[in-house]
C-alpha atoms as a PDB file:
ATOM      1  CA  UNK A   1      -5.138  -5.475  33.901  1.00  0.00           C
ATOM      2  CA  UNK A   2      -6.618  -8.929  33.777  1.00  0.00           C
ATOM      3  CA  UNK A   3      -4.233 -11.797  33.162  1.00  0.00           C
ATOM      4  CA  UNK A   4      -4.444 -14.458  30.444  1.00  0.00           C
ATOM      5  CA  UNK A   5      -6.870 -12.583  28.154  1.00  0.00           C
ATOM      6  CA  UNK A   6      -4.406 -11.171  25.628  1.00  0.00           C
ATOM      7  CA  UNK A   7      -3.287 -13.184  22.584  1.00  0.00           C
ATOM      8  CA  UNK A   8       0.366 -14.132  22.103  1.00  0.00           C
ATOM      9  CA  UNK A   9       2.315 -11.423  20.256  1.00  0.00           C
ATOM     10  CA  UNK A  10       5.222 -13.294  18.669  1.00  0.00           C
ATOM     11  CA  UNK A  11       7.438 -13.025  15.620  1.00  0.00           C
ATOM     12  CA  UNK A  12       5.559 -13.427  12.332  1.00  0.00           C
ATOM     13  CA  UNK A  13       6.492 -13.811   8.667  1.00  0.00           C
ATOM     14  CA  UNK A  14       4.678 -11.881   5.945  1.00  0.00           C
ATOM     15  CA  UNK A  15       5.194 -13.468   2.510  1.00  0.00           C
ATOM     16  CA  UNK A  16       4.407 -11.550  -0.679  1.00  0.00           C
ATOM     17  CA  UNK A  17       3.410 -13.084  -4.014  1.00  0.00           C
ATOM     18  CA  UNK A  18       6.684 -11.737  -5.478  1.00  0.00           C
ATOM     19  CA  UNK A  19       8.665 -13.849  -2.998  1.00  0.00           C
ATOM     20  CA  UNK A  20       9.678 -11.084  -0.597  1.00  0.00           C
ATOM     21  CA  UNK A  21       9.547 -12.064   3.074  1.00  0.00           C
ATOM     22  CA  UNK A  22       9.163  -9.547   5.893  1.00  0.00           C
ATOM     23  CA  UNK A  23       9.739 -10.368   9.543  1.00  0.00           C
ATOM     24  CA  UNK A  24       7.496  -8.539  11.986  1.00  0.00           C
ATOM     25  CA  UNK A  25       5.488  -9.198  15.136  1.00  0.00           C
ATOM     26  CA  UNK A  26       1.828 -10.165  15.157  1.00  0.00           C
ATOM     27  CA  UNK A  27      -0.732 -12.439  16.744  1.00  0.00           C
ATOM     28  CA  UNK A  28      -0.771 -14.444  13.482  1.00  0.00           C
ATOM     29  CA  UNK A  29       2.332 -16.546  12.729  1.00  0.00           C
ATOM     30  CA  UNK A  30       2.237 -16.395   8.899  1.00  0.00           C
ATOM     31  CA  UNK A  31       0.524 -14.031   6.477  1.00  0.00           C
ATOM     32  CA  UNK A  32       0.398 -14.056   2.664  1.00  0.00           C
ATOM     33  CA  UNK A  33      -0.176 -10.805   0.752  1.00  0.00           C
ATOM     34  CA  UNK A  34      -0.495  -9.982  -2.959  1.00  0.00           C
ATOM     35  CA  UNK A  35       1.669  -6.857  -3.022  1.00  0.00           C
ATOM     36  CA  UNK A  36       4.357  -5.369  -0.835  1.00  0.00           C
ATOM     37  CA  UNK A  37       6.604  -2.315  -0.914  1.00  0.00           C
ATOM     38  CA  UNK A  38       9.093  -4.198  -3.101  1.00  0.00           C
ATOM     39  CA  UNK A  39       6.670  -4.931  -5.941  1.00  0.00           C
ATOM     40  CA  UNK A  40       3.891  -2.301  -5.674  1.00  0.00           C
ATOM     41  CA  UNK A  41       4.043   0.190  -8.598  1.00  0.00           C
ATOM     42  CA  UNK A  42       3.741   3.208  -6.297  1.00  0.00           C
ATOM     43  CA  UNK A  43       6.883   2.300  -4.363  1.00  0.00           C
ATOM     44  CA  UNK A  44       8.898   0.993  -7.331  1.00  0.00           C
ATOM     45  CA  UNK A  45       8.333   4.149  -9.383  1.00  0.00           C
ATOM     46  CA  UNK A  46       6.635   2.371 -12.272  1.00  0.00           C
ATOM     47  CA  UNK A  47       3.186   3.826 -11.553  1.00  0.00           C
ATOM     48  CA  UNK A  48       1.751   5.840 -14.411  1.00  0.00           C
ATOM     49  CA  UNK A  49      -1.158   8.237 -14.412  1.00  0.00           C
ATOM     50  CA  UNK A  50      -3.523   7.455 -17.243  1.00  0.00           C
ATOM     51  CA  UNK A  51      -5.723  10.371 -18.254  1.00  0.00           C
ATOM     52  CA  UNK A  52      -7.813   8.920 -21.064  1.00  0.00           C
ATOM     53  CA  UNK A  53     -10.544  11.546 -21.087  1.00  0.00           C
ATOM     54  CA  UNK A  54      -8.405  14.661 -20.647  1.00  0.00           C
ATOM     55  CA  UNK A  55      -9.812  15.399 -17.209  1.00  0.00           C
ATOM     56  CA  UNK A  56      -6.627  17.022 -15.944  1.00  0.00           C
ATOM     57  CA  UNK A  57      -6.431  19.303 -18.978  1.00  0.00           C
ATOM     58  CA  UNK A  58     -10.109  20.233 -18.640  1.00  0.00           C
ATOM     59  CA  UNK A  59      -9.605  21.021 -14.952  1.00  0.00           C
ATOM     60  CA  UNK A  60      -6.540  23.160 -15.623  1.00  0.00           C
ATOM     61  CA  UNK A  61      -8.300  24.978 -18.460  1.00  0.00           C
ATOM     62  CA  UNK A  62     -11.389  25.633 -16.365  1.00  0.00           C
ATOM     63  CA  UNK A  63      -9.598  26.953 -13.309  1.00  0.00           C
ATOM     64  CA  UNK A  64      -6.694  28.766 -14.957  1.00  0.00           C
ATOM     65  CA  UNK A  65      -8.943  31.502 -16.326  1.00  0.00           C
ATOM     66  CA  UNK A  66      -8.094  33.869 -13.490  1.00  0.00           C
ATOM     67  CA  UNK A  67     -10.437  32.766 -10.755  1.00  0.00           C
ATOM     68  CA  UNK A  68      -7.703  33.235  -8.153  1.00  0.00           C
END
């Protein structure tokens, strides 16, 4: 491998908008993100499926008529 062509891979801090800080390693020293695993609805369990047009019910009705 050639020498002196790779960037430095040091400790980095990822800061979320909620205030959570994550220590990792990267070529960038500091990163700022909008969501992390501490505040994202999928990971916190507060995510809700909104079915405003009844698409799930229409799908279940259409394919529950004994096709399989």
